[in-house]
Protein backbone atom coordinates (compact mmCIF):
# COMPACT_ATOMS: atom_id res chain seq x y z
CA UNK A 1 -80.97 54.92 146.45
CA UNK A 2 -78.53 55.84 149.60
CA UNK A 3 -75.84 53.50 150.45
CA UNK A 4 -74.80 55.93 153.79
CA UNK A 5 -72.78 57.89 151.99
CA UNK A 6 -73.33 62.03 153.63
CA UNK A 7 -72.60 63.27 150.24
CA UNK A 8 -72.48 67.31 152.29
CA UNK A 9 -69.21 66.15 153.77
CA UNK A 10 -67.91 65.14 150.90
CA UNK A 11 -64.98 66.91 148.57
CA UNK A 12 -63.01 66.59 145.56
CA UNK A 13 -59.88 65.29 146.03
CA UNK A 14 -57.15 67.19 146.96
CA UNK A 15 -53.67 67.37 145.54
CA UNK A 16 -51.93 65.47 147.88
CA UNK A 17 -54.72 62.24 147.71
CA UNK A 18 -54.57 62.73 144.07
CA UNK A 19 -50.57 61.33 144.06
CA UNK A 20 -51.62 58.62 146.48
CA UNK A 21 -54.68 57.18 143.59
CA UNK A 22 -51.85 58.16 141.22
CA UNK A 23 -48.80 56.50 143.07
CA UNK A 24 -51.15 53.28 144.15
CA UNK A 25 -52.31 53.23 140.17
CA UNK A 26 -48.84 52.81 139.58
CA UNK A 27 -48.21 50.51 142.23
CA UNK A 28 -50.58 47.99 140.54
CA UNK A 29 -49.29 47.97 136.75
CA UNK A 30 -47.29 44.34 136.27
CA UNK A 31 -43.76 44.96 137.75
CA UNK A 32 -41.78 43.90 134.03
CA UNK A 33 -43.80 47.85 132.93
CA UNK A 34 -43.14 49.50 136.37
CA UNK A 35 -39.28 48.06 136.35
CA UNK A 36 -38.83 49.72 132.70
CA UNK A 37 -39.83 53.36 134.07
CA UNK A 38 -37.18 53.65 136.53
CA UNK A 39 -36.27 57.74 136.16
CA UNK A 40 -39.86 58.92 135.17
CA UNK A 41 -40.87 61.63 137.32
CA UNK A 42 -44.69 61.14 137.71
CA UNK A 43 -46.40 64.23 139.06
CA UNK A 44 -50.29 65.52 139.50
CA UNK A 45 -50.78 69.02 138.59
CA UNK A 46 -54.00 70.73 138.68
CA UNK A 47 -53.75 72.20 135.00
CA UNK A 48 -51.08 72.37 132.22
CA UNK A 49 -49.05 75.59 132.50
CA UNK A 50 -48.75 78.29 129.96
CA UNK A 51 -45.87 76.44 127.64
CA UNK A 52 -47.65 73.24 127.62
CA UNK A 53 -50.77 75.19 126.57
CA UNK A 54 -48.77 76.16 123.27
CA UNK A 55 -46.53 73.54 122.33
CA UNK A 56 -50.30 71.42 121.75
CA UNK A 57 -52.22 73.63 121.06
CA UNK A 58 -54.76 73.72 123.29
CA UNK A 59 -57.51 76.02 122.86
CA UNK A 60 -58.47 74.99 127.23
CA UNK A 61 -56.93 74.12 129.80
CA UNK A 62 -59.60 70.65 130.38
CA UNK A 63 -58.38 69.49 126.42
CA UNK A 64 -55.55 67.32 128.14
CA UNK A 65 -55.37 65.09 131.30
CA UNK A 66 -51.62 64.19 131.23
CA UNK A 67 -48.68 64.26 129.90
CA UNK A 68 -45.14 62.25 128.95
CA UNK A 69 -42.32 64.64 128.03
CA UNK A 70 -38.44 63.35 127.46
CA UNK A 71 -37.09 61.55 125.85
CA UNK A 72 -39.45 57.73 124.66
CA UNK A 73 -37.01 54.72 124.35
CA UNK A 74 -37.41 54.60 120.92
CA UNK A 75 -35.43 58.05 120.61
CA UNK A 76 -32.83 57.04 123.83
CA UNK A 77 -29.88 57.14 121.50
CA UNK A 78 -30.52 59.50 119.63
CA UNK A 79 -30.01 62.22 121.72
CA UNK A 80 -27.10 63.28 124.06
CA UNK A 81 -27.81 62.33 127.34
CA UNK A 82 -25.75 65.18 129.01
CA UNK A 83 -27.38 67.89 130.34
CA UNK A 84 -30.62 66.08 129.35
CA UNK A 85 -34.23 66.79 131.89
CA UNK A 86 -35.24 63.34 132.93
CA UNK A 87 -39.12 61.71 131.91
CA UNK A 88 -41.96 62.95 132.71
CA UNK A 89 -44.90 62.27 133.21
CA UNK A 90 -48.07 64.58 134.52
CA UNK A 91 -51.50 64.03 135.42
CA UNK A 92 -53.97 66.71 135.27
CA UNK A 93 -56.30 66.33 138.57
CA UNK A 94 -58.81 69.00 137.69
CA UNK A 95 -59.26 68.35 133.58
CA UNK A 96 -59.22 64.63 134.82
CA UNK A 97 -62.14 65.32 137.10
CA UNK A 98 -63.46 67.24 135.01
CA UNK A 99 -63.76 64.01 132.55
CA UNK A 100 -64.93 61.80 135.48
CA UNK A 101 -67.95 63.89 136.28
CA UNK A 102 -68.61 63.72 132.11
CA UNK A 103 -68.37 60.05 131.99
CA UNK A 104 -69.64 56.58 134.07
CA UNK A 105 -65.93 55.50 134.43
CA UNK A 106 -64.48 54.89 138.28
CA UNK A 107 -61.66 58.38 139.21
CA UNK A 108 -59.24 54.92 140.03
CA UNK A 109 -59.59 54.30 136.71
CA UNK A 110 -59.95 57.12 134.78
CA UNK A 111 -56.62 57.83 136.41
CA UNK A 112 -55.07 53.80 136.22
CA UNK A 113 -55.60 54.96 131.90
CA UNK A 114 -54.42 58.47 131.95
CA UNK A 115 -51.44 57.63 133.94
CA UNK A 116 -50.34 53.59 131.22
CA UNK A 117 -51.75 56.20 128.52
CA UNK A 118 -48.98 58.50 128.95
CA UNK A 119 -46.04 56.36 130.28
CA UNK A 120 -47.14 53.77 126.46
CA UNK A 121 -45.94 57.34 125.30
CA UNK A 122 -42.32 56.56 127.11
CA UNK A 123 -42.17 53.13 125.26
CA UNK A 124 -43.48 53.82 121.82
CA UNK A 125 -46.43 51.71 122.55
CA UNK A 126 -49.64 51.55 119.94
CA UNK A 127 -52.83 52.28 121.61
CA UNK A 128 -53.72 48.26 121.06
CA UNK A 129 -50.70 47.64 123.24
CA UNK A 130 -51.21 50.35 126.50
CA UNK A 131 -54.78 48.26 126.32
CA UNK A 132 -53.71 45.02 126.63
CA UNK A 133 -51.81 46.38 129.27
CA UNK A 134 -54.67 48.38 131.09
CA UNK A 135 -56.20 44.97 130.42
CA UNK A 136 -54.95 43.53 132.33
CA UNK A 137 -54.58 45.82 135.36
């Protein structure tokens, strides 16, 4: 079944294209949800750095799709604000592309899922809460 796609010229999305996809997924989140994420940095990298690999006790750099780093809202005032790094969500492009290649989901859906899941850690949301948000995106 050829849908007129010239497969010989297709490439995996670059970091820049992946960032654009991530921005689009973020803009597609419910406004109330986005309003509570002010100040969270969202970035895309190819792989986790060695420190993350060690902290998360990962066997492979493909074992993680995204990561929330920082102080979630549930812990917010328990930690002094001075000198604290901003809360950050990182999506890992290569592991996400690998997951996409092995599953029957669209790349856009996977990116949105990882983004919602990692932002959900900022809020201290349960998996059920995150699934409900995804259902409305």
